[in-house]
Amino acid sequence: MMGRQKRKVRMHIQDGPSVEGVLAGKTRNEYIIWAPRVITGEPNPEMEVSGHVEIPRERVVWYQVVG
């Protein structure tokens, strides 16, 4: 869709770390995240990941729009 702005989101994954990045799209089974960062606990709370990630919808507990 032209003119639709991409949103920065944080996906909270069931039994896993959270992933933050630009919600580039959704398929029937997955969320596609560009410029992903994995959000973990201490001591290294964030880790950048190259490329994009595809997160299965059934693993996402909820997501929040952060920007």
Protein backbone atom coordinates (compact mmCIF):
# COMPACT_ATOMS: atom_id res chain seq x y z
CA MET A 1 0.00 0.00 0.00
CA MET A 2 1.45 3.31 -1.02
CA GLY A 3 1.57 6.04 1.58
CA ARG A 4 1.18 3.70 4.51
CA GLN A 5 3.75 4.44 7.18
CA LYS A 6 5.66 1.59 8.79
CA ARG A 7 5.41 1.42 12.57
CA LYS A 8 8.10 0.57 15.08
CA VAL A 9 6.84 -2.22 17.31
CA ARG A 10 8.01 -4.49 20.11
CA MET A 11 6.84 -8.10 19.78
CA HIS A 12 6.58 -10.03 23.04
CA ILE A 13 7.30 -13.66 22.24
CA GLN A 14 5.93 -16.62 24.19
CA ASP A 15 8.81 -18.30 26.07
CA GLY A 16 11.40 -16.12 24.39
CA PRO A 17 12.95 -12.68 24.14
CA SER A 18 11.13 -9.66 22.79
CA VAL A 19 11.92 -8.35 19.31
CA GLU A 20 11.79 -4.67 18.41
CA GLY A 21 11.87 -3.26 14.90
CA VAL A 22 9.85 -1.92 12.00
CA LEU A 23 6.69 -3.90 11.24
CA ALA A 24 7.18 -4.31 7.51
CA GLY A 25 4.26 -6.62 6.89
CA LYS A 26 2.03 -9.44 7.97
CA THR A 27 1.28 -12.72 6.30
CA ARG A 28 -1.32 -15.26 7.28
CA ASN A 29 1.23 -16.98 9.54
CA GLU A 30 3.97 -14.45 10.31
CA TYR A 31 4.91 -10.90 11.22
CA ILE A 32 7.84 -9.51 9.20
CA ILE A 33 10.19 -7.21 11.12
CA TRP A 34 12.90 -5.05 9.51
CA ALA A 35 15.93 -3.73 11.43
CA PRO A 36 15.26 -6.13 14.32
CA ARG A 37 16.78 -5.90 17.78
CA VAL A 38 16.43 -8.73 20.26
CA ILE A 39 15.54 -7.44 23.72
CA THR A 40 16.79 -9.71 26.51
CA GLY A 41 17.57 -9.31 30.17
CA GLU A 42 20.85 -8.37 31.77
CA PRO A 43 23.82 -8.16 31.22
CA ASN A 44 23.40 -7.33 27.49
CA PRO A 45 19.82 -6.08 27.18
CA GLU A 46 19.82 -5.52 23.39
CA MET A 47 21.33 -7.27 20.40
CA GLU A 48 20.99 -6.12 16.78
CA VAL A 49 20.23 -8.70 14.11
CA SER A 50 21.08 -8.20 10.44
CA GLY A 51 18.47 -8.56 7.73
CA HIS A 52 14.89 -9.17 8.77
CA VAL A 53 13.05 -11.67 10.94
CA GLU A 54 9.81 -13.53 10.41
CA ILE A 55 8.00 -14.27 13.66
CA PRO A 56 5.27 -16.93 13.70
CA ARG A 57 1.98 -15.32 14.76
CA GLU A 58 1.17 -18.13 17.19
CA ARG A 59 4.34 -17.29 19.19
CA VAL A 60 3.44 -13.61 19.70
CA VAL A 61 1.66 -13.02 23.00
CA TRP A 62 1.11 -9.33 22.22
CA TYR A 63 2.84 -6.43 20.55
CA GLN A 64 3.09 -2.75 21.31
CA VAL A 65 3.60 0.20 18.99
CA VAL A 66 6.65 2.10 20.27
CA GLY A 67 7.13 4.67 17.53
